[in-house]
């Protein structure tokens, strides 16, 4: 599992960059979080199964609930502008307001939030 450790204002943020990494269920996320040296995690959209972004599957809700329970912050980096699903757009909008689970287009945006 390849990682990049970022540091902002004394906060450590771990970016997972492994091309082979694919999070497809809650256990995958729990395994990743358990092996992370930080509770601030950056994931790339392409490392998460597409079903995560279909809220009807409940994968996103289940994973994000575990993240909240374990006080883990997740930044998901990718393209989110052209989302057709209103419920997913609303979900992303609300998540970004709380700054615990954020969906951003680039790593610097996540680092700015998690580095506060």
N, C-alpha and C. Protein backbone atom coordinates (compact mmCIF):
# COMPACT_ATOMS: atom_id res chain seq x y z
N UNK A 1 0.85 -1.17 0.00
CA UNK A 1 0.00 0.00 0.00
C UNK A 1 0.90 1.24 0.00
N UNK A 2 0.81 2.02 -1.04
CA UNK A 2 1.64 3.21 -1.16
C UNK A 2 0.93 4.41 -0.54
N UNK A 3 1.71 5.19 0.20
CA UNK A 3 1.15 6.38 0.84
C UNK A 3 2.11 7.55 0.68
N UNK A 4 1.53 8.71 0.77
CA UNK A 4 2.30 9.96 0.86
C UNK A 4 1.84 10.63 2.14
N UNK A 5 2.78 10.99 2.98
CA UNK A 5 2.46 11.66 4.24
C UNK A 5 2.61 13.16 4.02
N UNK A 6 1.51 13.87 4.25
CA UNK A 6 1.51 15.33 4.16
C UNK A 6 1.44 15.88 5.58
N UNK A 7 2.02 17.04 5.78
CA UNK A 7 1.95 17.68 7.08
C UNK A 7 1.54 19.14 6.88
N UNK A 8 0.50 19.55 7.59
CA UNK A 8 0.02 20.93 7.53
C UNK A 8 -0.30 21.40 8.95
N UNK A 9 0.38 22.44 9.37
CA UNK A 9 0.12 23.03 10.69
C UNK A 9 0.14 21.98 11.81
N UNK A 10 1.06 21.06 11.73
CA UNK A 10 1.17 20.04 12.76
C UNK A 10 0.22 18.87 12.60
N UNK A 11 -0.61 18.90 11.58
CA UNK A 11 -1.54 17.80 11.33
C UNK A 11 -0.97 16.89 10.26
N UNK A 12 -1.01 15.60 10.53
CA UNK A 12 -0.53 14.63 9.57
C UNK A 12 -1.72 14.12 8.75
N UNK A 13 -1.57 14.11 7.42
CA UNK A 13 -2.61 13.68 6.50
C UNK A 13 -1.99 12.62 5.60
N UNK A 14 -2.63 11.46 5.50
CA UNK A 14 -2.10 10.36 4.71
C UNK A 14 -2.89 10.24 3.41
N UNK A 15 -2.16 10.30 2.32
CA UNK A 15 -2.76 10.12 1.00
C UNK A 15 -2.42 8.71 0.52
N UNK A 16 -3.44 7.94 0.20
CA UNK A 16 -3.24 6.61 -0.34
C UNK A 16 -3.21 6.72 -1.86
N UNK A 17 -2.11 6.25 -2.45
CA UNK A 17 -1.89 6.44 -3.89
C UNK A 17 -1.67 5.13 -4.63
N UNK A 18 -1.96 4.04 -4.03
CA UNK A 18 -1.73 2.73 -4.63
C UNK A 18 -2.69 2.49 -5.79
N UNK A 19 -2.15 2.22 -6.98
CA UNK A 19 -2.98 1.95 -8.15
C UNK A 19 -3.86 0.72 -7.97
N UNK A 20 -3.42 -0.22 -7.17
CA UNK A 20 -4.18 -1.45 -6.98
C UNK A 20 -5.23 -1.36 -5.88
N UNK A 21 -5.25 -0.26 -5.17
CA UNK A 21 -6.18 -0.11 -4.05
C UNK A 21 -7.60 0.09 -4.56
N UNK A 22 -8.52 -0.69 -4.07
CA UNK A 22 -9.92 -0.52 -4.42
C UNK A 22 -10.75 -0.78 -3.18
N UNK A 23 -11.45 0.24 -2.76
CA UNK A 23 -12.32 0.11 -1.59
C UNK A 23 -13.72 -0.21 -2.11
N UNK A 24 -14.21 -1.38 -1.73
CA UNK A 24 -15.51 -1.80 -2.24
C UNK A 24 -16.53 -2.06 -1.15
N UNK A 25 -16.09 -2.03 0.11
CA UNK A 25 -17.03 -2.28 1.21
C UNK A 25 -16.48 -1.71 2.51
N UNK A 26 -17.26 -1.83 3.55
CA UNK A 26 -16.88 -1.27 4.85
C UNK A 26 -15.60 -1.91 5.38
N UNK A 27 -15.46 -3.21 5.22
CA UNK A 27 -14.27 -3.89 5.75
C UNK A 27 -13.01 -3.40 5.06
N UNK A 28 -13.08 -3.15 3.76
CA UNK A 28 -11.92 -2.59 3.05
C UNK A 28 -11.51 -1.27 3.67
N UNK A 29 -12.49 -0.42 3.96
CA UNK A 29 -12.18 0.87 4.58
C UNK A 29 -11.60 0.68 5.98
N UNK A 30 -12.20 -0.20 6.77
CA UNK A 30 -11.71 -0.42 8.14
C UNK A 30 -10.27 -0.94 8.13
N UNK A 31 -9.96 -1.83 7.19
CA UNK A 31 -8.59 -2.33 7.07
C UNK A 31 -7.63 -1.19 6.72
N UNK A 32 -8.04 -0.35 5.80
CA UNK A 32 -7.22 0.79 5.40
C UNK A 32 -7.00 1.74 6.58
N UNK A 33 -8.08 2.09 7.27
CA UNK A 33 -7.99 3.02 8.40
C UNK A 33 -7.13 2.44 9.52
N UNK A 34 -7.24 1.14 9.75
CA UNK A 34 -6.46 0.50 10.82
C UNK A 34 -4.97 0.55 10.52
N UNK A 35 -4.60 0.57 9.25
CA UNK A 35 -3.19 0.59 8.87
C UNK A 35 -2.67 2.00 8.59
N UNK A 36 -3.52 2.98 8.79
CA UNK A 36 -3.11 4.36 8.52
C UNK A 36 -2.46 4.97 9.76
N UNK A 37 -1.37 5.70 9.57
CA UNK A 37 -0.73 6.36 10.71
C UNK A 37 -1.44 7.65 11.14
N UNK A 38 -2.53 7.99 10.46
CA UNK A 38 -3.26 9.22 10.77
C UNK A 38 -4.76 8.99 10.61
N UNK A 39 -5.52 9.79 11.31
CA UNK A 39 -6.98 9.75 11.17
C UNK A 39 -7.46 10.73 10.11
N UNK A 40 -6.54 11.34 9.40
CA UNK A 40 -6.84 12.21 8.26
C UNK A 40 -6.38 11.49 7.01
N UNK A 41 -7.35 11.05 6.19
CA UNK A 41 -7.05 10.18 5.05
C UNK A 41 -7.52 10.83 3.75
N UNK A 42 -6.67 10.75 2.74
CA UNK A 42 -7.05 11.18 1.39
C UNK A 42 -7.11 9.94 0.50
N UNK A 43 -8.25 9.79 -0.17
CA UNK A 43 -8.45 8.73 -1.14
C UNK A 43 -8.74 9.34 -2.49
N UNK A 44 -8.39 8.64 -3.54
CA UNK A 44 -8.71 9.10 -4.89
C UNK A 44 -9.98 8.40 -5.36
N UNK A 45 -10.82 9.13 -6.04
CA UNK A 45 -12.11 8.61 -6.50
C UNK A 45 -11.96 7.29 -7.24
N UNK A 46 -10.91 7.17 -8.04
CA UNK A 46 -10.73 5.95 -8.83
C UNK A 46 -10.33 4.74 -7.98
N UNK A 47 -10.04 4.95 -6.70
CA UNK A 47 -9.71 3.85 -5.81
C UNK A 47 -10.92 3.38 -4.99
N UNK A 48 -12.08 3.88 -5.37
CA UNK A 48 -13.32 3.51 -4.69
C UNK A 48 -14.27 2.97 -5.76
N UNK A 49 -14.96 1.87 -5.45
CA UNK A 49 -15.87 1.29 -6.44
C UNK A 49 -16.93 2.31 -6.85
N UNK A 50 -17.33 2.30 -8.11
CA UNK A 50 -18.35 3.24 -8.60
C UNK A 50 -19.66 3.15 -7.81
N UNK A 51 -19.97 1.98 -7.29
CA UNK A 51 -21.21 1.81 -6.52
C UNK A 51 -21.25 2.67 -5.27
N UNK A 52 -20.08 3.07 -4.78
CA UNK A 52 -20.01 3.98 -3.63
C UNK A 52 -20.79 5.25 -3.93
N UNK A 53 -20.74 5.70 -5.18
CA UNK A 53 -21.35 6.96 -5.57
C UNK A 53 -22.81 6.81 -5.99
N UNK A 54 -23.35 5.60 -5.87
CA UNK A 54 -24.77 5.35 -6.06
C UNK A 54 -25.34 5.16 -4.65
N UNK A 55 -25.96 6.18 -4.12
CA UNK A 55 -26.36 6.17 -2.72
C UNK A 55 -27.35 5.06 -2.38
N UNK A 56 -28.05 4.54 -3.36
CA UNK A 56 -28.99 3.45 -3.12
C UNK A 56 -28.29 2.18 -2.63
N UNK A 57 -27.01 2.02 -2.96
CA UNK A 57 -26.29 0.82 -2.53
C UNK A 57 -25.94 0.88 -1.04
N UNK A 58 -25.96 2.06 -0.47
CA UNK A 58 -25.64 2.31 0.95
C UNK A 58 -24.17 2.09 1.30
N UNK A 59 -23.33 1.84 0.30
CA UNK A 59 -21.90 1.65 0.58
C UNK A 59 -21.31 2.93 1.15
N UNK A 60 -21.62 4.06 0.53
CA UNK A 60 -21.09 5.35 1.01
C UNK A 60 -21.54 5.62 2.43
N UNK A 61 -22.82 5.47 2.68
CA UNK A 61 -23.35 5.73 4.01
C UNK A 61 -22.72 4.85 5.07
N UNK A 62 -22.55 3.57 4.76
CA UNK A 62 -21.96 2.64 5.72
C UNK A 62 -20.50 2.98 6.01
N UNK A 63 -19.75 3.27 4.96
CA UNK A 63 -18.33 3.61 5.14
C UNK A 63 -18.19 4.93 5.88
N UNK A 64 -18.96 5.91 5.50
CA UNK A 64 -18.83 7.22 6.14
C UNK A 64 -19.32 7.19 7.58
N UNK A 65 -20.27 6.33 7.90
CA UNK A 65 -20.69 6.17 9.30
C UNK A 65 -19.56 5.58 10.13
N UNK A 66 -18.86 4.59 9.59
CA UNK A 66 -17.71 4.01 10.31
C UNK A 66 -16.62 5.07 10.49
N UNK A 67 -16.38 5.86 9.45
CA UNK A 67 -15.37 6.92 9.56
C UNK A 67 -15.75 7.88 10.68
N UNK A 68 -17.00 8.23 10.75
CA UNK A 68 -17.47 9.13 11.81
C UNK A 68 -17.31 8.48 13.18
N UNK A 69 -17.69 7.22 13.29
CA UNK A 69 -17.57 6.50 14.57
C UNK A 69 -16.13 6.46 15.07
N UNK A 70 -15.19 6.30 14.14
CA UNK A 70 -13.78 6.20 14.50
C UNK A 70 -13.04 7.54 14.40
N UNK A 71 -13.82 8.60 14.23
CA UNK A 71 -13.28 9.96 14.15
C UNK A 71 -12.17 10.07 13.09
N UNK A 72 -12.44 9.48 11.95
CA UNK A 72 -11.52 9.53 10.83
C UNK A 72 -12.07 10.50 9.80
N UNK A 73 -11.24 11.41 9.37
CA UNK A 73 -11.63 12.36 8.32
C UNK A 73 -11.19 11.80 6.98
N UNK A 74 -12.08 11.89 6.00
CA UNK A 74 -11.78 11.37 4.67
C UNK A 74 -11.92 12.49 3.65
N UNK A 75 -10.90 12.66 2.85
CA UNK A 75 -10.96 13.55 1.70
C UNK A 75 -10.94 12.69 0.45
N UNK A 76 -11.97 12.80 -0.36
CA UNK A 76 -12.04 12.05 -1.60
C UNK A 76 -11.76 13.02 -2.74
N UNK A 77 -10.72 12.73 -3.50
CA UNK A 77 -10.26 13.63 -4.55
C UNK A 77 -10.67 13.08 -5.91
N UNK A 78 -11.31 13.94 -6.69
CA UNK A 78 -11.71 13.53 -8.03
C UNK A 78 -12.60 14.57 -8.68
N UNK A 79 -13.16 14.21 -9.81
CA UNK A 79 -14.06 15.08 -10.57
C UNK A 79 -15.49 14.84 -10.09
N UNK A 80 -16.11 15.89 -9.56
CA UNK A 80 -17.47 15.78 -9.05
C UNK A 80 -18.43 16.81 -9.66
N UNK A 81 -17.99 17.56 -10.65
CA UNK A 81 -18.80 18.63 -11.23
C UNK A 81 -19.98 18.12 -12.06
N UNK A 82 -19.81 17.02 -12.77
CA UNK A 82 -20.83 16.58 -13.72
C UNK A 82 -21.72 15.47 -13.18
N UNK A 83 -21.98 15.47 -11.90
CA UNK A 83 -22.82 14.44 -11.29
C UNK A 83 -24.28 14.73 -11.63
N UNK A 84 -24.94 13.73 -12.17
CA UNK A 84 -26.33 13.89 -12.57
C UNK A 84 -27.30 13.67 -11.41
N UNK A 85 -26.93 12.83 -10.46
CA UNK A 85 -27.82 12.50 -9.35
C UNK A 85 -27.94 13.67 -8.38
N UNK A 86 -29.17 14.17 -8.23
CA UNK A 86 -29.41 15.27 -7.30
C UNK A 86 -29.10 14.84 -5.86
N UNK A 87 -29.48 13.63 -5.51
CA UNK A 87 -29.23 13.18 -4.13
C UNK A 87 -27.73 13.09 -3.85
N UNK A 88 -26.93 12.65 -4.81
CA UNK A 88 -25.48 12.60 -4.62
C UNK A 88 -24.90 14.00 -4.56
N UNK A 89 -25.36 14.91 -5.41
CA UNK A 89 -24.88 16.30 -5.34
C UNK A 89 -25.20 16.90 -3.99
N UNK A 90 -26.41 16.66 -3.48
CA UNK A 90 -26.80 17.17 -2.16
C UNK A 90 -25.95 16.54 -1.05
N UNK A 91 -25.70 15.25 -1.16
CA UNK A 91 -24.88 14.53 -0.19
C UNK A 91 -23.48 15.13 -0.14
N UNK A 92 -22.89 15.37 -1.29
CA UNK A 92 -21.55 15.95 -1.36
C UNK A 92 -21.55 17.36 -0.79
N UNK A 93 -22.55 18.14 -1.13
CA UNK A 93 -22.65 19.51 -0.64
C UNK A 93 -22.71 19.53 0.89
N UNK A 94 -23.57 18.70 1.46
CA UNK A 94 -23.72 18.65 2.92
C UNK A 94 -22.45 18.12 3.60
N UNK A 95 -21.85 17.11 3.01
CA UNK A 95 -20.61 16.56 3.57
C UNK A 95 -19.51 17.61 3.60
N UNK A 96 -19.38 18.35 2.53
CA UNK A 96 -18.33 19.36 2.44
C UNK A 96 -18.51 20.47 3.48
N UNK A 97 -19.74 20.75 3.86
CA UNK A 97 -19.98 21.80 4.87
C UNK A 97 -19.44 21.40 6.23
N UNK A 98 -19.50 20.11 6.55
CA UNK A 98 -19.06 19.63 7.87
C UNK A 98 -17.56 19.44 7.96
N UNK A 99 -16.91 19.29 6.82
CA UNK A 99 -15.45 19.16 6.73
C UNK A 99 -14.88 17.92 7.43
N UNK A 100 -15.70 16.92 7.62
CA UNK A 100 -15.21 15.64 8.15
C UNK A 100 -15.00 14.66 7.01
N UNK A 101 -15.93 14.65 6.08
CA UNK A 101 -15.85 13.88 4.85
C UNK A 101 -15.99 14.90 3.74
N UNK A 102 -14.94 15.07 2.95
CA UNK A 102 -14.98 16.11 1.91
C UNK A 102 -14.71 15.51 0.55
N UNK A 103 -15.34 16.09 -0.44
CA UNK A 103 -15.18 15.69 -1.83
C UNK A 103 -14.60 16.90 -2.55
N UNK A 104 -13.36 16.80 -3.00
CA UNK A 104 -12.68 17.94 -3.62
C UNK A 104 -12.02 17.52 -4.93
N UNK A 105 -11.73 18.51 -5.76
CA UNK A 105 -11.13 18.23 -7.06
C UNK A 105 -9.63 18.00 -7.00
N UNK A 106 -8.97 18.53 -5.97
CA UNK A 106 -7.53 18.34 -5.89
C UNK A 106 -7.07 18.18 -4.44
N UNK A 107 -5.89 17.66 -4.31
CA UNK A 107 -5.34 17.35 -2.99
C UNK A 107 -5.13 18.60 -2.15
N UNK A 108 -4.70 19.67 -2.78
CA UNK A 108 -4.43 20.91 -2.04
C UNK A 108 -5.68 21.40 -1.29
N UNK A 109 -6.86 21.25 -1.91
CA UNK A 109 -8.10 21.65 -1.23
C UNK A 109 -8.33 20.84 0.03
N UNK A 110 -8.06 19.55 -0.05
CA UNK A 110 -8.24 18.69 1.13
C UNK A 110 -7.20 19.04 2.19
N UNK A 111 -5.96 19.24 1.78
CA UNK A 111 -4.90 19.58 2.73
C UNK A 111 -5.20 20.89 3.45
N UNK A 112 -5.78 21.83 2.74
CA UNK A 112 -6.13 23.12 3.36
C UNK A 112 -7.17 22.91 4.47
N UNK A 113 -8.16 22.07 4.20
CA UNK A 113 -9.22 21.81 5.18
C UNK A 113 -8.68 20.99 6.36
N UNK A 114 -8.00 19.90 6.09
CA UNK A 114 -7.51 19.00 7.14
C UNK A 114 -6.32 19.58 7.88
N UNK A 115 -5.69 20.60 7.32
CA UNK A 115 -4.54 21.20 7.95
C UNK A 115 -4.88 22.36 8.87
N UNK A 116 -6.15 22.61 9.08
CA UNK A 116 -6.57 23.70 9.98
C UNK A 116 -6.31 23.36 11.43
